Protein backbone atom coordinates (compact mmCIF):
# COMPACT_ATOMS: atom_id res chain seq x y z
CA UNK A 1 -19.49 -16.28 24.37
CA UNK A 2 -17.14 -13.08 24.35
CA UNK A 3 -16.23 -11.68 21.04
CA UNK A 4 -12.70 -11.88 21.63
CA UNK A 5 -12.65 -15.42 23.04
CA UNK A 6 -14.59 -16.31 19.87
CA UNK A 7 -12.16 -15.00 17.51
CA UNK A 8 -9.66 -16.55 19.33
CA UNK A 9 -10.99 -20.00 18.72
CA UNK A 10 -11.66 -19.15 15.01
CA UNK A 11 -8.10 -17.71 14.78
CA UNK A 12 -6.49 -21.08 16.13
CA UNK A 13 -8.61 -23.22 13.95
CA UNK A 14 -7.88 -21.54 10.73
CA UNK A 15 -4.19 -20.63 11.45
CA UNK A 16 -3.34 -24.39 12.74
CA UNK A 17 -1.09 -25.22 9.99
CA UNK A 18 1.29 -22.28 10.81
CA UNK A 19 2.67 -24.78 13.66
CA UNK A 20 2.66 -27.61 10.98
CA UNK A 21 6.34 -26.93 9.88
CA UNK A 22 9.24 -24.96 10.67
CA UNK A 23 9.52 -22.32 7.61
CA UNK A 24 6.60 -21.94 4.89
CA UNK A 25 8.58 -19.17 3.25
CA UNK A 26 12.10 -18.37 2.55
CA UNK A 27 11.30 -15.04 4.48
CA UNK A 28 10.74 -16.99 8.06
CA UNK A 29 14.41 -18.61 7.18
CA UNK A 30 15.63 -15.35 6.77
CA UNK A 31 14.34 -13.81 9.73
CA UNK A 32 15.51 -17.02 11.92
CA UNK A 33 19.17 -16.83 10.65
CA UNK A 34 19.10 -12.97 10.97
CA UNK A 35 17.59 -12.88 14.84
CA UNK A 36 20.26 -15.69 15.78
CA UNK A 37 23.16 -13.17 14.20
CA UNK A 38 21.53 -10.35 16.34
CA UNK A 39 21.11 -12.21 19.60
CA UNK A 40 24.76 -12.80 19.37
CA UNK A 41 25.45 -9.13 19.20
CA UNK A 42 25.55 -8.06 15.63
CA UNK A 43 24.10 -4.56 14.69
CA UNK A 44 21.11 -4.51 12.11
CA UNK A 45 22.02 -3.00 8.68
CA UNK A 46 25.74 -3.64 9.94
CA UNK A 47 26.42 -6.91 10.96
CA UNK A 48 23.87 -8.38 8.94
CA UNK A 49 21.79 -6.46 6.57
CA UNK A 50 18.37 -6.49 4.95
CA UNK A 51 15.94 -4.07 3.17
CA UNK A 52 13.15 -4.43 5.47
CA UNK A 53 12.70 -2.33 8.65
CA UNK A 54 13.58 -3.43 12.14
CA UNK A 55 10.38 -4.64 13.97
CA UNK A 56 9.94 -8.02 12.67
CA UNK A 57 13.65 -8.84 12.88
CA UNK A 58 14.35 -7.80 16.56
CA UNK A 59 10.96 -9.48 17.36
CA UNK A 60 12.09 -12.82 16.16
CA UNK A 61 15.25 -12.10 18.16
CA UNK A 62 13.38 -11.26 21.53
CA UNK A 63 11.35 -14.67 21.24
CA UNK A 64 14.97 -16.23 20.59
CA UNK A 65 16.27 -14.78 23.38
CA UNK A 66 13.58 -15.59 25.87
CA UNK A 67 12.55 -19.23 24.65
CA UNK A 68 15.84 -20.33 22.72
CA UNK A 69 16.80 -20.00 19.08
CA UNK A 70 16.15 -23.78 18.74
CA UNK A 71 12.26 -23.46 18.98
CA UNK A 72 10.17 -21.58 16.51
CA UNK A 73 6.80 -21.90 18.50
CA UNK A 74 6.85 -18.67 20.02
CA UNK A 75 7.21 -16.86 16.67
CA UNK A 76 4.27 -19.14 15.96
CA UNK A 77 2.38 -18.00 18.51
CA UNK A 78 3.17 -14.23 17.75
CA UNK A 79 2.19 -14.67 14.47
CA UNK A 80 -1.57 -16.46 15.54
CA UNK A 81 -1.76 -13.72 17.97
CA UNK A 82 -1.32 -10.60 15.73
CA UNK A 83 -4.08 -11.99 13.04
CA UNK A 84 -6.32 -12.46 16.51
CA UNK A 85 -5.06 -8.51 17.29
CA UNK A 86 -6.10 -7.74 13.70
CA UNK A 87 -9.61 -9.17 13.90
CA UNK A 88 -10.32 -7.74 17.21
CA UNK A 89 -9.60 -4.34 16.01
CA UNK A 90 -11.51 -4.60 13.01
CA UNK A 91 -14.31 -6.12 15.31
CA UNK A 92 -14.15 -3.07 17.47
CA UNK A 93 -14.32 -1.00 14.57
CA UNK A 94 -17.09 -2.38 12.96
CA UNK A 95 -19.13 -2.60 15.72
CA UNK A 96 -19.11 0.98 16.47
CA UNK A 97 -19.80 2.16 13.04
CA UNK A 98 -22.17 -0.89 11.87
CA UNK A 99 -23.51 -2.52 14.83
CA UNK A 100 -22.68 -5.93 16.89
CA UNK A 101 -23.62 -8.40 14.26
CA UNK A 102 -21.23 -6.56 11.83
CA UNK A 103 -18.32 -6.28 14.45
CA UNK A 104 -18.49 -10.09 15.11
CA UNK A 105 -18.53 -10.80 11.36
CA UNK A 106 -15.98 -8.43 10.66
CA UNK A 107 -13.32 -10.40 12.99
CA UNK A 108 -14.52 -13.63 11.98
CA UNK A 109 -14.43 -12.64 8.17
CA UNK A 110 -10.91 -11.50 8.21
CA UNK A 111 -9.51 -14.17 9.88
CA UNK A 112 -11.31 -16.66 7.12
CA UNK A 113 -9.71 -14.33 4.41
CA UNK A 114 -6.65 -14.15 5.94
CA UNK A 115 -5.62 -18.03 5.07
CA UNK A 116 -7.37 -17.37 1.81
CA UNK A 117 -3.85 -17.60 -0.34
CA UNK A 118 -1.43 -20.12 -0.99
CA UNK A 119 -0.33 -21.63 2.20
CA UNK A 120 3.40 -20.60 1.93
CA UNK A 121 1.87 -17.18 1.83
CA UNK A 122 -1.06 -17.26 4.41
CA UNK A 123 0.86 -19.29 6.88
CA UNK A 124 4.36 -17.39 7.21
CA UNK A 125 5.05 -15.25 10.51
CA UNK A 126 6.63 -12.66 7.91
CA UNK A 127 6.41 -9.14 7.62
CA UNK A 128 2.91 -8.69 6.42
CA UNK A 129 1.48 -10.61 9.33
CA UNK A 130 2.90 -8.17 11.94
CA UNK A 131 2.30 -5.18 9.84
CA UNK A 132 -1.61 -5.36 10.09
CA UNK A 133 -2.56 -4.78 13.70
CA UNK A 134 -0.48 -1.70 13.79
CA UNK A 135 -2.55 -0.53 10.30
CA UNK A 136 -5.88 -1.00 11.48
CA UNK A 137 -5.01 0.25 14.82
CA UNK A 138 -4.33 3.37 12.99
CA UNK A 139 -7.67 3.58 11.32
CA UNK A 140 -9.51 2.78 14.76
CA UNK A 141 -7.44 5.80 16.65
CA UNK A 142 -8.21 7.95 14.01
CA UNK A 143 -11.57 7.27 13.82
CA UNK A 144 -11.78 8.30 17.58
CA UNK A 145 -10.01 11.46 16.87
CA UNK A 146 -6.71 10.55 18.48
CA UNK A 147 -4.84 11.66 15.68
CA UNK A 148 -1.32 11.45 17.03
CA UNK A 149 -1.67 8.07 18.42
CA UNK A 150 -2.76 7.13 14.85
CA UNK A 151 0.36 8.62 13.30
CA UNK A 152 2.43 6.60 15.98
CA UNK A 153 0.57 3.26 14.71
CA UNK A 154 1.27 4.27 11.21
CA UNK A 155 4.51 4.77 11.91
CA UNK A 156 4.79 1.12 13.35
CA UNK A 157 3.19 -0.52 10.49
CA UNK A 158 6.03 1.38 8.33
CA UNK A 159 8.70 0.02 10.52
CA UNK A 160 7.26 -3.32 10.40
CA UNK A 161 6.99 -3.23 6.17
CA UNK A 162 7.57 -0.06 4.18
CA UNK A 163 4.23 -0.79 2.62
CA UNK A 164 2.45 -0.45 6.04
CA UNK A 165 3.03 3.62 5.83
CA UNK A 166 0.20 3.57 2.95
CA UNK A 167 -2.41 3.91 5.93
CA UNK A 168 -1.12 7.30 6.66
CA UNK A 169 -2.97 8.32 3.87
CA UNK A 170 -6.41 7.15 5.17
CA UNK A 171 -5.56 8.59 8.63
CA UNK A 172 -4.86 12.00 6.96
CA UNK A 173 -7.93 11.76 5.20
CA UNK A 174 -9.74 10.99 8.57
CA UNK A 175 -7.93 13.83 10.52
CA UNK A 176 -8.62 16.22 7.72
CA UNK A 177 -12.57 15.71 7.50
CA UNK A 178 -13.23 14.63 10.93
CA UNK A 179 -11.41 18.12 11.82
CA UNK A 180 -12.80 20.01 9.41
CA UNK A 181 -16.48 18.90 10.81
CA UNK A 182 -15.24 19.11 14.15
CA UNK A 183 -16.69 15.56 14.76
CA UNK A 184 -15.74 11.98 13.53
CA UNK A 185 -17.88 8.80 12.95
CA UNK A 186 -20.66 8.45 15.59
CA UNK A 187 -19.71 11.79 16.93
CA UNK A 188 -16.46 11.55 18.21
CA UNK A 189 -14.65 14.26 16.72
CA UNK A 190 -11.27 15.12 15.21
CA UNK A 191 -9.26 16.49 18.22
CA UNK A 192 -9.78 17.22 21.81
CA UNK A 193 -9.63 21.00 22.62
CA UNK A 194 -10.69 21.51 26.15
CA UNK A 195 -9.29 19.85 29.00
CA UNK A 196 -12.02 18.54 31.79
CA UNK A 197 -11.82 22.10 33.53
CA UNK A 198 -13.02 23.78 30.45
CA UNK A 199 -9.24 25.44 29.96
CA UNK A 200 -8.01 25.55 26.30
CA UNK A 201 -5.46 23.29 25.39
CA UNK A 202 -2.89 24.28 22.85
CA UNK A 203 -2.25 21.57 19.85
CA UNK A 204 0.50 19.85 20.98
CA UNK A 205 -1.48 18.92 24.10
CA UNK A 206 -4.35 18.00 21.91
CA UNK A 207 -1.79 15.44 20.47
CA UNK A 208 -0.85 14.30 23.96
CA UNK A 209 -4.81 13.45 24.81
CA UNK A 210 -5.03 15.96 27.58
CA UNK A 211 -8.54 17.28 26.96
CA UNK A 212 -11.63 15.85 27.09
CA UNK A 213 -12.80 16.07 23.48
CA UNK A 214 -15.54 16.79 20.93
CA UNK A 215 -18.94 15.91 22.18
CA UNK A 216 -20.24 12.83 20.92
CA UNK A 217 -23.54 11.03 20.53
CA UNK A 218 -24.10 9.72 24.38
CA UNK A 219 -23.73 13.26 25.63
CA UNK A 220 -27.09 14.39 23.65
CA UNK A 221 -28.68 10.78 23.68
CA UNK A 222 -28.64 10.35 20.01
CA UNK A 223 -27.93 7.50 17.83
CA UNK A 224 -26.39 9.58 15.13
CA UNK A 225 -24.79 12.79 14.94
CA UNK A 226 -22.63 14.91 17.81
CA UNK A 227 -22.44 18.26 18.71
CA UNK A 228 -18.86 19.36 17.73
CA UNK A 229 -16.15 22.25 19.22
CA UNK A 230 -16.71 22.52 22.75
CA UNK A 231 -16.96 20.24 25.56
CA UNK A 232 -20.41 18.73 26.97
CA UNK A 233 -21.66 17.03 29.91
CA UNK A 234 -25.28 16.40 31.20
CA UNK A 235 -26.80 17.62 28.06
CA UNK A 236 -25.17 21.33 28.55
CA UNK A 237 -23.00 22.25 25.87
CA UNK A 238 -20.05 25.01 25.78
CA UNK A 239 -19.63 26.76 22.82
CA UNK A 240 -21.80 29.20 20.63
CA UNK A 241 -23.74 28.05 17.32
CA UNK A 242 -24.41 24.86 16.17
CA UNK A 243 -24.74 24.43 12.41
CA UNK A 244 -25.19 21.88 9.68
CA UNK A 245 -28.36 19.50 8.94
CA UNK A 246 -31.22 18.69 10.89
CA UNK A 247 -31.62 15.25 12.75
CA UNK A 248 -34.99 13.62 13.79
CA UNK A 249 -36.13 15.50 17.08
CA UNK A 250 -35.31 18.89 15.44
CA UNK A 251 -31.72 19.47 16.69
CA UNK A 252 -29.16 20.18 13.62
CA UNK A 253 -25.87 18.79 14.13
CA UNK A 254 -22.88 17.36 12.38
CA UNK A 255 -20.09 20.40 12.51
CA UNK A 256 -18.22 22.23 14.87
CA UNK A 257 -19.35 24.25 17.37
CA UNK A 258 -17.80 27.66 17.97
CA UNK A 259 -18.09 30.70 19.79
CA UNK A 260 -16.55 31.89 23.38
CA UNK A 261 -18.87 31.20 26.36
CA UNK A 262 -21.11 28.50 27.82
CA UNK A 263 -24.49 28.37 27.21
CA UNK A 264 -25.96 26.70 30.28
CA UNK A 265 -29.46 25.94 28.83
CA UNK A 266 -29.96 22.46 28.07
CA UNK A 267 -29.75 21.53 24.59
CA UNK A 268 -32.95 19.49 23.42
CA UNK A 269 -35.33 19.39 20.63
CA UNK A 270 -37.05 22.51 19.41
CA UNK A 271 -33.81 24.96 20.31
CA UNK A 272 -32.24 26.81 17.69
CA UNK A 273 -29.79 25.12 15.03
CA UNK A 274 -28.57 27.63 12.28
CA UNK A 275 -27.65 25.87 9.27
CA UNK A 276 -25.41 26.71 6.04
CA UNK A 277 -26.36 30.17 4.93
CA UNK A 278 -28.27 31.49 8.02
CA UNK A 279 -30.99 28.55 7.34
CA UNK A 280 -32.40 27.32 10.48
CA UNK A 281 -31.91 23.52 10.89
CA UNK A 282 -35.15 23.03 12.47
CA UNK A 283 -37.18 23.65 15.73
CA UNK A 284 -37.79 26.80 17.44
CA UNK A 285 -35.05 29.48 18.82
CA UNK A 286 -33.37 28.58 21.43
CA UNK A 287 -32.38 30.83 24.49
CA UNK A 288 -28.96 31.60 25.70
CA UNK A 289 -27.72 31.27 29.14
CA UNK A 290 -27.60 34.28 31.31
CA UNK A 291 -23.53 34.41 30.88
CA UNK A 292 -23.34 33.54 27.25
CA UNK A 293 -23.22 35.55 24.16
CA UNK A 294 -25.90 35.66 22.05
CA UNK A 295 -26.51 32.98 19.54
CA UNK A 296 -25.52 34.51 15.86
CA UNK A 297 -26.81 33.73 12.29
CA UNK A 298 -26.57 34.70 9.07
CA UNK A 299 -23.50 34.83 6.53
CA UNK A 300 -21.47 36.88 8.89
CA UNK A 301 -20.92 34.09 11.33
CA UNK A 302 -20.39 31.57 8.91
CA UNK A 303 -18.04 33.07 6.79
CA UNK A 304 -16.08 34.71 9.44
CA UNK A 305 -16.12 32.00 12.05
CA UNK A 306 -16.74 28.57 10.83
CA UNK A 307 -13.69 28.20 7.68
CA UNK A 308 -11.54 29.62 9.76
CA UNK A 309 -12.00 27.51 12.56
CA UNK A 310 -12.27 24.39 10.37
CA UNK A 311 -8.81 25.13 8.86
CA UNK A 312 -7.46 25.41 11.93
CA UNK A 313 -8.80 22.08 13.22
CA UNK A 314 -7.49 20.53 10.16
CA UNK A 315 -3.93 22.01 10.14
CA UNK A 316 -3.56 21.15 13.94
CA UNK A 317 -5.15 17.40 13.31
CA UNK A 318 -2.77 16.88 10.49
CA UNK A 319 0.08 18.15 12.74
CA UNK A 320 -0.88 15.84 15.39
CA UNK A 321 -0.71 12.85 12.80
CA UNK A 322 2.62 13.77 11.12
CA UNK A 323 4.49 14.29 14.76
CA UNK A 324 3.03 10.82 15.79
CA UNK A 325 4.31 9.40 12.54
CA UNK A 326 7.77 11.13 11.98
CA UNK A 327 8.88 11.03 15.86
CA UNK A 328 9.50 7.32 15.91
CA UNK A 329 11.22 6.81 12.31
CA UNK A 330 13.57 9.77 13.87
CA UNK A 331 14.26 7.76 16.78
CA UNK A 332 14.85 4.48 15.36
CA UNK A 333 17.12 6.12 12.73
CA UNK A 334 19.42 7.45 15.35
CA UNK A 335 19.09 4.30 17.28
CA UNK A 336 20.40 2.02 14.45
CA UNK A 337 22.30 4.53 12.71
CA UNK A 338 20.70 7.26 10.57
CA UNK A 339 22.87 6.65 7.38
CA UNK A 340 22.73 2.71 7.51
CA UNK A 341 19.09 2.60 8.18
CA UNK A 342 18.36 5.40 5.54
CA UNK A 343 20.49 3.27 2.97
CA UNK A 344 18.87 -0.24 3.43
CA UNK A 345 15.21 0.83 4.26
CA UNK A 346 14.72 3.87 2.47
CA UNK A 347 17.17 4.83 -0.47
CA UNK A 348 19.05 1.41 -1.52
CA UNK A 349 16.51 -0.55 -3.04
CA UNK A 350 15.93 1.42 -6.40
CA UNK A 351 17.37 -1.61 -8.26
CA UNK A 352 15.43 -4.29 -6.34
CA UNK A 353 12.08 -2.40 -6.97
CA UNK A 354 12.54 -1.79 -10.63
CA UNK A 355 10.28 -3.66 -13.30
CA UNK A 356 12.33 -3.20 -16.31
CA UNK A 357 12.20 -6.02 -18.73
CA UNK A 358 9.79 -7.73 -15.94
CA UNK A 359 6.43 -6.30 -16.49
CA UNK A 360 4.52 -9.27 -17.87
CA UNK A 361 5.59 -11.34 -15.15
CA UNK A 362 4.58 -9.02 -12.57
CA UNK A 363 1.03 -8.36 -14.18
CA UNK A 364 0.64 -12.54 -14.47
CA UNK A 365 1.81 -12.96 -10.70
CA UNK A 366 -0.53 -9.77 -9.67
CA UNK A 367 -3.28 -11.35 -11.49
CA UNK A 368 -2.84 -14.89 -9.79
CA UNK A 369 -2.91 -13.78 -6.66
CA UNK A 370 -5.39 -10.95 -6.85
CA UNK A 371 -7.99 -13.91 -8.39
CA UNK A 372 -7.26 -16.16 -5.43
CA UNK A 373 -8.06 -13.18 -2.60
CA UNK A 374 -11.10 -12.66 -4.79
CA UNK A 375 -12.34 -16.23 -5.14
CA UNK A 376 -11.49 -16.95 -1.53
CA UNK A 377 -13.23 -13.81 -0.24
CA UNK A 378 -16.13 -13.54 -3.08
CA UNK A 379 -19.30 -12.47 -0.81
CA UNK A 380 -17.15 -9.42 0.49
CA UNK A 381 -15.93 -8.60 -2.89
CA UNK A 382 -19.38 -8.62 -4.02
CA UNK A 383 -21.14 -6.83 -0.91
CA UNK A 384 -18.43 -4.23 -1.05
CA UNK A 385 -19.48 -3.19 -4.26
CA UNK A 386 -23.04 -4.01 -4.27
CA UNK A 387 -23.56 -1.98 -1.30
CA UNK A 388 -21.07 0.84 -1.91
CA UNK A 389 -21.50 4.34 -0.71
CA UNK A 390 -18.69 6.07 -1.47
CA UNK A 391 -19.13 9.29 0.73
CA UNK A 392 -19.83 7.65 3.67
CA UNK A 393 -17.59 4.93 3.60
CA UNK A 394 -14.81 7.49 2.02
CA UNK A 395 -12.37 6.68 4.55
CA UNK A 396 -12.56 2.88 3.85
CA UNK A 397 -12.30 3.28 0.14
CA UNK A 398 -8.99 5.74 0.73
CA UNK A 399 -7.56 3.13 2.80
CA UNK A 400 -8.55 0.21 0.08
CA UNK A 401 -6.73 2.39 -2.32
CA UNK A 402 -3.80 3.29 -0.29
CA UNK A 403 -3.26 -0.55 0.46
CA UNK A 404 -3.67 -1.26 -3.35
CA UNK A 405 -0.68 1.18 -3.64
CA UNK A 406 1.16 -0.58 -0.97
CA UNK A 407 0.92 -4.06 -2.40
CA UNK A 408 2.03 -2.51 -5.75
CA UNK A 409 5.10 -0.53 -4.28
CA UNK A 410 6.95 -4.28 -3.45
CA UNK A 411 6.63 -4.63 -7.70
CA UNK A 412 7.09 -8.33 -7.01
CA UNK A 413 3.24 -8.98 -6.06
CA UNK A 414 4.26 -12.06 -3.94
CA UNK A 415 1.04 -13.70 -2.67
CA UNK A 416 1.81 -12.12 1.07
CA UNK A 417 1.61 -8.64 -0.12
CA UNK A 418 -2.09 -9.11 -0.75
CA UNK A 419 -2.63 -9.43 3.33
CA UNK A 420 -2.75 -5.65 3.06
CA UNK A 421 -5.62 -5.22 1.15
CA UNK A 422 -8.21 -7.89 3.54
CA UNK A 423 -8.76 -5.62 6.29
CA UNK A 424 -10.45 -2.44 4.33
CA UNK A 425 -12.11 -5.14 1.88
CA UNK A 426 -13.67 -6.90 4.82
CA UNK A 427 -14.87 -3.68 6.70
CA UNK A 428 -16.46 -2.52 3.14
CA UNK A 429 -17.84 -5.97 2.45
CA UNK A 430 -19.31 -6.16 6.02
CA UNK A 431 -20.79 -2.71 5.49
CA UNK A 432 -22.48 -3.78 2.03
CA UNK A 433 -24.13 -6.89 3.77
CA UNK A 434 -25.63 -4.21 6.51
CA UNK A 435 -27.29 -2.19 3.65
CA UNK A 436 -28.78 -5.65 2.06
CA UNK A 437 -26.24 -6.45 -0.41
CA UNK A 438 -26.14 -10.21 1.12
CA UNK A 439 -27.51 -12.06 3.75
CA UNK A 440 -25.34 -12.82 6.53
CA UNK A 441 -26.39 -16.50 6.17
CA UNK A 442 -24.79 -16.49 2.58
CA UNK A 443 -21.60 -14.75 3.77
CA UNK A 444 -21.18 -17.30 6.75
CA UNK A 445 -21.83 -20.19 4.49
CA UNK A 446 -19.30 -19.06 1.95
CA UNK A 447 -16.75 -18.44 4.51
CA UNK A 448 -17.36 -21.95 6.34
CA UNK A 449 -16.51 -23.53 2.71
CA UNK A 450 -13.32 -21.42 1.92
CA UNK A 451 -12.09 -21.71 5.20
CA UNK A 452 -12.03 -25.59 4.82
CA UNK A 453 -10.68 -25.78 1.51
CA UNK A 454 -7.71 -23.74 2.86
CA UNK A 455 -7.10 -25.52 6.01
CA UNK A 456 -7.02 -28.56 3.92
CA UNK A 457 -4.67 -27.11 1.56
CA UNK A 458 -2.45 -26.02 4.19
CA UNK A 459 -2.76 -29.61 6.04
CA UNK A 460 -1.65 -31.64 2.96
CA UNK A 461 0.64 -28.82 1.28
CA UNK A 462 3.78 -30.56 0.30
CA UNK A 463 7.56 -29.49 1.90
CA UNK A 464 9.67 -31.16 -0.58
CA UNK A 465 12.07 -28.05 -0.72
CA UNK A 466 11.89 -27.98 3.22
CA UNK A 467 13.00 -31.45 3.39
CA UNK A 468 16.05 -30.78 0.75
CA UNK A 469 17.18 -28.03 2.98
CA UNK A 470 17.29 -30.04 6.11
CA UNK A 471 19.12 -32.72 4.13
CA UNK A 472 21.86 -30.33 3.15
CA UNK A 473 22.06 -28.80 6.72
CA UNK A 474 22.72 -32.43 7.68
CA UNK A 475 25.58 -32.62 5.66
CA UNK A 476 26.93 -29.40 6.98
CA UNK A 477 27.01 -30.53 10.27
CA UNK A 478 28.59 -33.44 9.91
CA UNK A 479 31.54 -31.59 7.59
CA UNK A 480 32.10 -28.76 9.87
CA UNK A 481 32.50 -27.99 13.51
CA UNK A 482 30.35 -25.86 15.70
CA UNK A 483 31.14 -22.14 14.93
CA UNK A 484 32.96 -22.65 11.66
CA UNK A 485 30.99 -20.09 9.38
CA UNK A 486 29.23 -21.18 6.25
CA UNK A 487 28.45 -19.40 2.79
CA UNK A 488 25.23 -20.37 0.97
CA UNK A 489 25.06 -18.89 -2.50
CA UNK A 490 21.30 -18.88 -3.04
CA UNK A 491 18.02 -17.18 -1.81
CA UNK A 492 17.10 -19.24 1.13
CA UNK A 493 19.30 -18.94 4.31
CA UNK A 494 17.33 -21.64 5.94
CA UNK A 495 20.45 -23.66 5.65
CA UNK A 496 22.25 -21.57 7.92
CA UNK A 497 19.45 -21.98 10.57
CA UNK A 498 19.00 -25.88 10.38
CA UNK A 499 23.04 -26.22 9.99
CA UNK A 500 23.43 -24.13 13.30
CA UNK A 501 26.41 -22.39 11.56
CA UNK A 502 27.02 -18.66 11.38
CA UNK A 503 26.81 -17.11 7.83
CA UNK A 504 30.21 -15.93 6.72
CA UNK A 505 28.73 -12.83 5.11
CA UNK A 506 26.30 -10.00 6.26
CA UNK A 507 24.58 -10.87 3.29
CA UNK A 508 22.43 -13.79 4.03
CA UNK A 509 21.06 -14.03 -0.04
CA UNK A 510 22.90 -13.61 -3.36
CA UNK A 511 20.20 -11.36 -4.30
CA UNK A 512 21.87 -8.36 -2.62
CA UNK A 513 24.93 -9.18 -4.89
CA UNK A 514 23.40 -9.99 -8.15
CA UNK A 515 19.74 -8.24 -8.01
CA UNK A 516 18.02 -11.44 -8.64
CA UNK A 517 14.14 -11.55 -7.48
CA UNK A 518 11.19 -13.66 -8.51
CA UNK A 519 10.21 -12.57 -12.04
CA UNK A 520 13.51 -10.59 -12.71
CA UNK A 521 14.50 -10.85 -16.64
CA UNK A 522 18.59 -12.34 -17.05
CA UNK A 523 19.62 -9.03 -18.46
CA UNK A 524 19.08 -7.23 -15.23
CA UNK A 525 20.72 -9.82 -12.69
CA UNK A 526 24.83 -9.75 -12.41
CA UNK A 527 27.23 -7.89 -10.72
CA UNK A 528 26.51 -4.47 -12.04
CA UNK A 529 23.23 -4.73 -10.66
CA UNK A 530 24.36 -5.43 -7.28
CA UNK A 531 23.59 -3.17 -4.06
CA UNK A 532 25.93 -0.06 -4.49
CA UNK A 533 29.17 -1.05 -2.46
CA UNK A 534 27.93 -4.94 -1.39
CA UNK A 535 30.79 -6.62 -3.47
CA UNK A 536 33.12 -4.54 -1.59
CA UNK A 537 31.80 -5.69 1.56
CA UNK A 538 31.30 -9.43 0.52
CA UNK A 539 34.87 -9.62 -0.54
CA UNK A 540 35.74 -8.05 3.05
CA UNK A 541 33.49 -10.57 4.69
CA UNK A 542 35.30 -13.53 3.16
CA UNK A 543 38.80 -12.45 3.58
CA UNK A 544 38.03 -12.36 7.49
CA UNK A 545 35.72 -15.36 7.93
CA UNK A 546 37.23 -17.79 5.35
CA UNK A 547 34.24 -20.29 5.28
CA UNK A 548 34.95 -23.84 5.31
CA UNK A 549 32.26 -24.63 3.12
CA UNK A 550 30.34 -23.18 0.23
CA UNK A 551 26.70 -24.44 -0.39
CA UNK A 552 25.77 -23.43 -4.05
CA UNK A 553 22.02 -23.59 -4.02
CA UNK A 554 21.65 -21.61 -7.33
CA UNK A 555 20.64 -24.61 -9.58
CA UNK A 556 20.12 -22.90 -12.96
CA UNK A 557 19.18 -19.98 -11.79
CA UNK A 558 20.44 -16.51 -13.33
CA UNK A 559 22.69 -15.79 -10.39
CA UNK A 560 24.50 -19.37 -10.57
CA UNK A 561 28.70 -18.93 -10.32
CA UNK A 562 28.93 -19.20 -14.19
CA UNK A 563 27.19 -15.94 -14.98
CA UNK A 564 28.59 -14.34 -11.89
CA UNK A 565 32.36 -13.99 -13.18
CA UNK A 566 33.91 -12.60 -9.76
CA UNK A 567 32.43 -15.05 -7.65
CA UNK A 568 33.07 -17.93 -10.11
CA UNK A 569 36.69 -17.18 -9.86
CA UNK A 570 36.60 -16.81 -5.73
CA UNK A 571 34.89 -20.39 -6.22
CA UNK A 572 37.56 -22.26 -8.45
CA UNK A 573 40.50 -20.32 -6.50
CA UNK A 574 39.81 -21.63 -3.34
CA UNK A 575 37.23 -24.90 -3.39
CA UNK A 576 36.81 -28.25 -4.76
CA UNK A 577 33.30 -29.88 -5.13
CA UNK A 578 32.72 -32.23 -2.28
CA UNK A 579 29.00 -33.45 -2.79
CA UNK A 580 26.07 -32.71 -4.77
CA UNK A 581 22.27 -33.19 -3.35
CA UNK A 582 19.93 -32.66 -5.92
CA UNK A 583 20.44 -29.17 -7.59
CA UNK A 584 22.97 -27.89 -4.84
CA UNK A 585 26.59 -28.68 -4.84
CA UNK A 586 28.60 -28.77 -1.34
CA UNK A 587 32.16 -27.37 -1.63
CA UNK A 588 35.07 -27.61 0.72
CA UNK A 589 37.96 -25.50 1.06
CA UNK A 590 41.11 -26.37 -0.64
CA UNK A 591 43.78 -23.75 0.94
CA UNK A 592 44.36 -23.50 4.59
């Protein structure tokens, strides 16, 4: 059975609970409500606002435009497809570096690990789910020396969720290391420097992928290593000097070729390769072709040519990454309105990200969710550490560290944040198993057990809160006419979606107006901590839309009306209590 087909089967089995209910967490309700507003012609960061980048809101909106906003299965299919794409990309990477068995297992183990969280975190079609394929694609492309494309993929990840931009750090690491050596993992190098006619390609052309590329292992028929710097075919190289370490067969490889002319003699075992400091890597002297320059050796060549060429290659590779990463952001900012985009996505969330007074809660939540991830993927964690090779897998360790920074950057440490750790952890765990840290049989057995436990948890997870929201929405439909605006004072906008009534304001949750978020102390919640300018816009929205009903879904939370004087005064002046459903209070407007 082809790997992709097998992974598709595993993806459906492990994530079947995605289809079990409409919304697994408030993020999905927010996105679905937001998508309806966008579908009605509103502009993101104008008619409806969010702190997140635009990819996922418009993905939801596109699905609703194609299949209708009354059904959520297309979005659920896209979520499973995103997990499958992540698994396939991990399989491609692992197969190339560690072999076919490792490739297959990397894909399977990711799919199992991705459900190893509380079901509302693992099964939701939210930002992290759609961020991961682009993140992994960035690493796969960088590993192949396609640095501009890798930068573009990193930009897509960051435009899906800001923390996805962390992947640019390992991409830059690969760019610097691979370009400096002149080749990447398995012999595919850091840039493409000549086209198929042997003509020199300027750096912007290399970013477009016009050139042939650095010589890879297949060119020489070797399993590891590769000749760097020039173009090669049929066993013949273009370039001057090969330097580095010796490999079996007498050819010293693992760095860039340089020099100006074509060497026509076939490179074979026994030919000369000069090592660092002028030492030979092995074999007998080789003979230069009849129209090539003589092969030089010694300190003069190494000091004068290699260091300068390596520096130029590094700078060019970094430029390609940054170009690929920056251009999409600039384009999206201009498309959506640069000022609004920068404010909501970059600069306007300082108060939200602050952990002042909430460190204990954050540490507790981080420890709990990290413990769940570690328990669900225990063999991966063990194998990654037991079989660690920091130098050989430096790019993967840098990726894991950058992902940890991305998780911490959100400061709330919700369970779904930790999905970002899984791709590098899976690859490091697979590398450890390949090196003998564990047997595949042990890893597969534990994965099967973990999958069984978490699939069962998802199938039996209670949905009391969702049923309550549906009940409130039914009351709203009964008490209002289609098209009448509704105001929900709470943190779960799913009421808007189920009631099929438009929001009366651009702010879909009270968090924008009060700074409320999970784990924040009461002292940091209130009007004074709202997004700058939000209350003026909120007041303007309510004066224009005059919602018939107000749903107070705050319960006893720190943002309940009596703790927010301006909203409390508005509520008492214009509304009376109509009905209570549990902790939710429904108010009807009293003035015409």
